Amino acid sequence: MVNTKTRTGPRLDKLQWNMVQVARTAPLFRGLSEEEWVEIAPMLHGHCYPKDAYLFFQGDPPDALYIIWIGRVKLVRHTDHGRDVVLEVLGPGQLIGEMAVLDGRPYSATAQTLEEVAVVTIARRDFFTILERYPRVAMGVISELTRRLRLTNELVRSLAVDRVEQRIARTLLRLADLAGRPYEQQDEAILIDMPLTRQDIAEMTGTTVETAIRVMSRLRRQGLVTNARSRIIVLNPQELKVVARGGK
């Protein structure tokens, strides 16, 4: 892990400026002035992680808020029955650990990198300083927590009532929004530009690896998805939306 904490000289100014640009992409920090960012910049610290590394584990004390700079991170909940459930996959500009940092309770999930990742962190004590000084940030926190609550409610509802095919289709569409880019070999196709295993798909949708393999094979036979170099390609997003809604 590379730690780019406080240094002196011109590189510090450039590094801090880059970290400020990352932090200000997070919705809760929008609206802060340049003068306010100058005050906040010394509280920002950069870290780099390789693929499959852990930012923190479920149950760790909440030492810092994380803002993703580069790469993608999955949040994994370990259940009492020994299963792992991927709660969310997050990308650049998104926050990790804000709820634990706010209430002081241990992180409720494990954060693991899906590829090489760089993050900006804000220590818990510094984050509370920011909240006290800048009420606009506190309002942004409320909005972010509301978004997370809605996502959690949707996940619980989906696990309870949706078929596995629906959950997998919905997950692929969400990942296409997060990490998709046009697939040049076919019109309207979307390449999910992040490595995904069948294990990943199973954990994201609350099913077994065997079931995930069976469903993905069925979607592939239907011409809705395919694979290329450990990447999933959504060939027909509109038809996959039909599956996600419970059709076909």
Protein backbone atom coordinates (compact mmCIF):
# COMPACT_ATOMS: atom_id res chain seq x y z
CA MET A 1 0.00 0.00 0.00
CA VAL A 2 1.32 3.42 -0.91
CA ASN A 3 0.60 6.16 1.60
CA THR A 4 0.85 9.69 0.23
CA LYS A 5 0.41 11.57 3.47
CA THR A 6 1.76 14.99 4.20
CA ARG A 7 4.99 15.98 2.47
CA THR A 8 6.55 19.29 1.74
CA GLY A 9 7.34 21.03 -1.50
CA PRO A 10 5.53 21.59 -4.80
CA ARG A 11 4.47 17.95 -5.17
CA LEU A 12 2.33 18.25 -2.06
CA ASP A 13 0.41 21.13 -3.60
CA LYS A 14 -0.23 19.19 -6.79
CA LEU A 15 -1.13 16.00 -4.94
CA GLN A 16 -3.50 17.78 -2.58
CA TRP A 17 -5.12 19.56 -5.50
CA ASN A 18 -5.67 16.22 -7.26
CA MET A 19 -7.21 14.76 -4.11
CA VAL A 20 -9.48 17.78 -3.77
CA GLN A 21 -10.72 17.19 -7.33
CA VAL A 22 -11.57 13.61 -6.35
CA ALA A 23 -13.31 14.55 -3.10
CA ARG A 24 -15.42 17.25 -4.70
CA THR A 25 -16.96 14.71 -7.11
CA ALA A 26 -18.71 13.08 -4.13
CA PRO A 27 -22.25 14.50 -3.91
CA LEU A 28 -22.02 15.47 -0.24
CA PHE A 29 -19.06 17.79 -0.91
CA ARG A 30 -20.65 19.69 -3.78
CA GLY A 31 -21.16 23.37 -3.18
CA LEU A 32 -18.01 24.01 -1.14
CA SER A 33 -16.03 27.07 -2.21
CA GLU A 34 -12.39 27.13 -3.28
CA GLU A 35 -11.47 28.80 0.03
CA GLU A 36 -13.20 26.02 1.96
CA TRP A 37 -11.36 23.37 -0.02
CA VAL A 38 -8.05 25.02 0.85
CA GLU A 39 -8.95 24.46 4.51
CA ILE A 40 -10.04 20.86 3.93
CA ALA A 41 -7.12 19.79 1.72
CA PRO A 42 -4.71 18.95 4.62
CA MET A 43 -7.31 16.46 5.91
CA LEU A 44 -7.18 14.41 2.69
CA HIS A 45 -4.85 11.42 2.39
CA GLY A 46 -4.21 9.14 -0.57
CA HIS A 47 -3.74 5.36 -0.60
CA CYS A 48 -3.27 2.75 -3.34
CA TYR A 49 -4.29 -0.92 -3.22
CA PRO A 50 -3.69 -3.86 -5.59
CA LYS A 51 -6.47 -6.08 -6.95
CA ASP A 52 -8.19 -8.28 -4.34
CA ALA A 53 -6.85 -6.21 -1.44
CA TYR A 54 -8.97 -5.17 1.54
CA LEU A 55 -9.60 -1.57 2.55
CA PHE A 56 -11.17 -2.78 5.78
CA PHE A 57 -12.99 -5.79 7.18
CA GLN A 58 -16.50 -6.18 8.54
CA GLY A 59 -16.22 -5.50 12.28
CA ASP A 60 -13.17 -3.19 12.06
CA PRO A 61 -13.40 0.14 13.92
CA PRO A 62 -14.43 3.03 11.63
CA ASP A 63 -11.19 4.96 11.38
CA ALA A 64 -11.86 6.82 8.13
CA LEU A 65 -14.24 7.72 5.32
CA TYR A 66 -13.10 6.51 1.89
CA ILE A 67 -13.67 8.20 -1.47
CA ILE A 68 -12.80 6.10 -4.51
CA TRP A 69 -10.32 7.84 -6.80
CA ILE A 70 -9.56 5.11 -9.37
CA GLY A 71 -10.96 1.58 -9.75
CA ARG A 72 -13.88 -0.30 -8.22
CA VAL A 73 -14.58 -1.79 -4.82
CA LYS A 74 -17.18 -4.33 -3.70
CA LEU A 75 -18.86 -4.26 -0.29
CA VAL A 76 -19.32 -7.78 1.08
CA ARG A 77 -21.47 -8.83 4.05
CA HIS A 78 -20.46 -12.09 5.75
CA THR A 79 -23.54 -13.87 7.08
CA ASP A 80 -23.83 -16.08 10.15
CA HIS A 81 -24.39 -19.05 7.81
CA GLY A 82 -20.99 -18.64 6.19
CA ARG A 83 -22.20 -17.05 2.97
CA ASP A 84 -20.97 -13.82 1.45
CA VAL A 85 -23.40 -11.33 -0.08
CA VAL A 86 -22.12 -8.47 -2.23
CA LEU A 87 -24.16 -5.46 -1.16
CA GLU A 88 -22.86 -3.03 -3.75
CA VAL A 89 -20.10 -2.34 -6.25
CA LEU A 90 -18.76 1.21 -6.08
CA GLY A 91 -16.66 3.25 -8.49
CA PRO A 92 -14.86 6.59 -8.77
CA GLY A 93 -16.33 9.45 -6.73
CA GLN A 94 -18.40 7.19 -4.49
CA LEU A 95 -18.10 6.92 -0.70
CA ILE A 96 -17.30 3.93 1.47
CA GLY A 97 -17.82 3.65 5.22
CA GLU A 98 -19.80 6.82 5.84
CA MET A 99 -22.46 5.19 8.03
CA ALA A 100 -19.92 3.57 10.35
CA VAL A 101 -17.91 6.79 10.55
CA LEU A 102 -21.05 8.69 11.55
CA ASP A 103 -22.37 6.37 14.25
CA GLY A 104 -19.03 5.05 15.52
CA ARG A 105 -20.03 1.40 15.22
CA PRO A 106 -17.77 -1.09 13.36
CA TYR A 107 -17.87 -1.26 9.58
CA SER A 108 -20.90 -3.38 8.68
CA ALA A 109 -19.28 -4.90 5.57
CA THR A 110 -15.89 -5.75 4.11
CA ALA A 111 -14.51 -3.54 1.33
CA GLN A 112 -12.47 -5.46 -1.25
CA THR A 113 -10.91 -4.17 -4.45
CA LEU A 114 -11.98 -5.64 -7.80
CA GLU A 115 -8.96 -4.13 -9.56
CA GLU A 116 -6.13 -1.75 -8.74
CA VAL A 117 -7.66 1.03 -6.67
CA ALA A 118 -6.68 4.46 -5.40
CA VAL A 119 -8.70 6.17 -2.69
CA VAL A 120 -8.79 9.43 -0.77
CA THR A 121 -9.46 9.05 2.95
CA ILE A 122 -10.63 11.45 5.63
CA ALA A 123 -9.99 10.45 9.25
CA ARG A 124 -13.13 10.18 11.38
CA ARG A 125 -12.18 13.08 13.65
CA ASP A 126 -11.47 15.27 10.61
CA PHE A 127 -14.80 14.33 9.02
CA PHE A 128 -16.65 15.52 12.12
CA THR A 129 -14.67 18.76 11.98
CA ILE A 130 -15.87 19.22 8.38
CA LEU A 131 -19.48 18.53 9.40
CA GLU A 132 -19.29 21.11 12.18
CA ARG A 133 -17.76 23.80 9.98
CA TYR A 134 -19.77 23.26 6.80
CA PRO A 135 -23.51 22.50 7.30
CA ARG A 136 -23.93 21.93 3.56
CA VAL A 137 -21.85 18.77 3.90
CA ALA A 138 -24.18 17.52 6.65
CA MET A 139 -27.13 17.92 4.26
CA GLY A 140 -25.21 15.96 1.66
CA VAL A 141 -24.66 13.16 4.18
CA ILE A 142 -28.41 12.93 4.76
CA SER A 143 -29.00 12.59 1.01
CA GLU A 144 -26.34 9.88 0.68
CA LEU A 145 -27.68 7.90 3.65
CA THR A 146 -31.18 8.09 2.17
CA ARG A 147 -29.86 6.72 -1.13
CA ARG A 148 -28.12 3.84 0.66
CA LEU A 149 -31.25 3.03 2.66
CA ARG A 150 -33.34 2.84 -0.51
CA LEU A 151 -30.73 0.57 -2.11
CA THR A 152 -30.75 -1.72 0.93
CA ASN A 153 -34.54 -1.88 0.94
CA GLU A 154 -34.54 -2.77 -2.75
CA LEU A 155 -31.94 -5.50 -2.16
CA VAL A 156 -33.99 -7.03 0.65
CA ARG A 157 -37.16 -6.89 -1.44
CA SER A 158 -35.42 -8.44 -4.43
CA LEU A 159 -33.96 -11.31 -2.40
CA ALA A 160 -37.40 -12.00 -0.94
CA VAL A 161 -39.61 -11.96 -4.03
CA ASP A 162 -37.62 -11.88 -7.28
CA ARG A 163 -36.51 -14.92 -9.23
CA VAL A 164 -32.76 -15.47 -9.57
CA GLU A 165 -32.96 -14.59 -13.29
CA GLN A 166 -34.41 -11.20 -12.40
CA ARG A 167 -31.76 -10.51 -9.77
CA ILE A 168 -28.90 -11.44 -12.09
CA ALA A 169 -30.34 -9.40 -14.97
CA ARG A 170 -30.83 -6.38 -12.70
CA THR A 171 -27.28 -6.73 -11.35
CA LEU A 172 -25.79 -6.88 -14.85
CA LEU A 173 -27.71 -3.76 -15.87
CA ARG A 174 -26.53 -1.92 -12.74
CA LEU A 175 -22.92 -2.91 -13.43
CA ALA A 176 -23.31 -1.80 -17.03
CA ASP A 177 -24.35 1.63 -15.75
CA LEU A 178 -21.41 1.72 -13.34
CA ALA A 179 -18.63 0.34 -15.50
CA GLY A 180 -20.02 -0.02 -19.00
CA ARG A 181 -18.66 1.21 -22.28
CA PRO A 182 -19.81 0.64 -25.86
CA TYR A 183 -18.79 -2.68 -27.35
CA GLU A 184 -17.49 -1.83 -30.78
CA GLN A 185 -18.25 -5.19 -32.38
CA GLN A 186 -22.03 -4.89 -31.95
CA ASP A 187 -24.43 -1.95 -31.93
CA GLU A 188 -26.05 -1.16 -28.57
CA ALA A 189 -23.94 -3.81 -26.79
CA ILE A 190 -22.24 -2.76 -23.54
CA LEU A 191 -18.96 -4.14 -22.22
CA ILE A 192 -18.86 -4.25 -18.40
CA ASP A 193 -15.26 -3.15 -18.04
CA MET A 194 -14.37 -4.91 -14.79
CA PRO A 195 -13.37 -8.48 -14.03
CA LEU A 196 -16.33 -10.59 -12.89
CA THR A 197 -16.36 -14.25 -11.92
CA ARG A 198 -19.39 -16.49 -11.49
CA GLN A 199 -18.62 -16.33 -7.77
CA ASP A 200 -18.94 -12.53 -7.93
CA ILE A 201 -22.29 -12.78 -9.69
CA ALA A 202 -23.54 -15.32 -7.15
CA GLU A 203 -22.51 -13.14 -4.20
CA MET A 204 -24.11 -10.05 -5.71
CA THR A 205 -27.42 -11.80 -6.21
CA GLY A 206 -27.67 -13.98 -3.11
CA THR A 207 -27.53 -17.31 -4.92
CA THR A 208 -25.15 -20.24 -5.38
CA VAL A 209 -22.33 -20.38 -7.90
CA GLU A 210 -24.02 -23.34 -9.60
CA THR A 211 -27.25 -21.39 -10.05
CA ALA A 212 -25.37 -18.33 -11.30
CA ILE A 213 -23.59 -20.48 -13.90
CA ARG A 214 -26.90 -22.00 -15.03
CA VAL A 215 -28.64 -18.64 -15.37
CA MET A 216 -25.71 -16.99 -17.16
CA SER A 217 -25.59 -19.92 -19.60
CA ARG A 218 -29.30 -19.47 -20.30
CA LEU A 219 -28.87 -15.72 -20.90
CA ARG A 220 -25.99 -16.48 -23.22
CA ARG A 221 -28.08 -18.98 -25.23
CA GLN A 222 -30.80 -16.34 -25.52
CA GLY A 223 -28.26 -13.95 -27.06
CA LEU A 224 -28.51 -11.45 -24.20
CA VAL A 225 -24.95 -11.70 -22.86
CA THR A 226 -21.57 -13.14 -23.76
CA ASN A 227 -18.04 -13.21 -22.34
CA ALA A 228 -14.70 -11.94 -23.57
CA ARG A 229 -11.44 -12.00 -21.59
CA SER A 230 -13.06 -12.24 -18.15
CA ARG A 231 -15.47 -9.43 -19.06
CA ILE A 232 -19.23 -9.73 -19.48
CA ILE A 233 -20.84 -8.11 -22.52
CA VAL A 234 -24.51 -7.18 -22.43
CA LEU A 235 -25.52 -7.77 -26.04
CA ASN A 236 -29.15 -6.70 -25.79
CA PRO A 237 -29.78 -4.28 -22.88
CA GLN A 238 -33.45 -3.77 -23.76
CA GLU A 239 -34.27 -7.48 -23.68
CA LEU A 240 -32.25 -7.89 -20.48
CA LYS A 241 -34.46 -5.20 -18.92
CA VAL A 242 -37.46 -7.34 -19.81
CA VAL A 243 -35.90 -10.24 -17.88
CA ALA A 244 -35.14 -7.93 -14.95
CA ARG A 245 -38.82 -6.93 -14.81
CA GLY A 246 -39.89 -10.57 -14.68
CA GLY A 247 -40.62 -11.19 -18.35
CA LYS A 248 -39.41 -14.12 -20.48
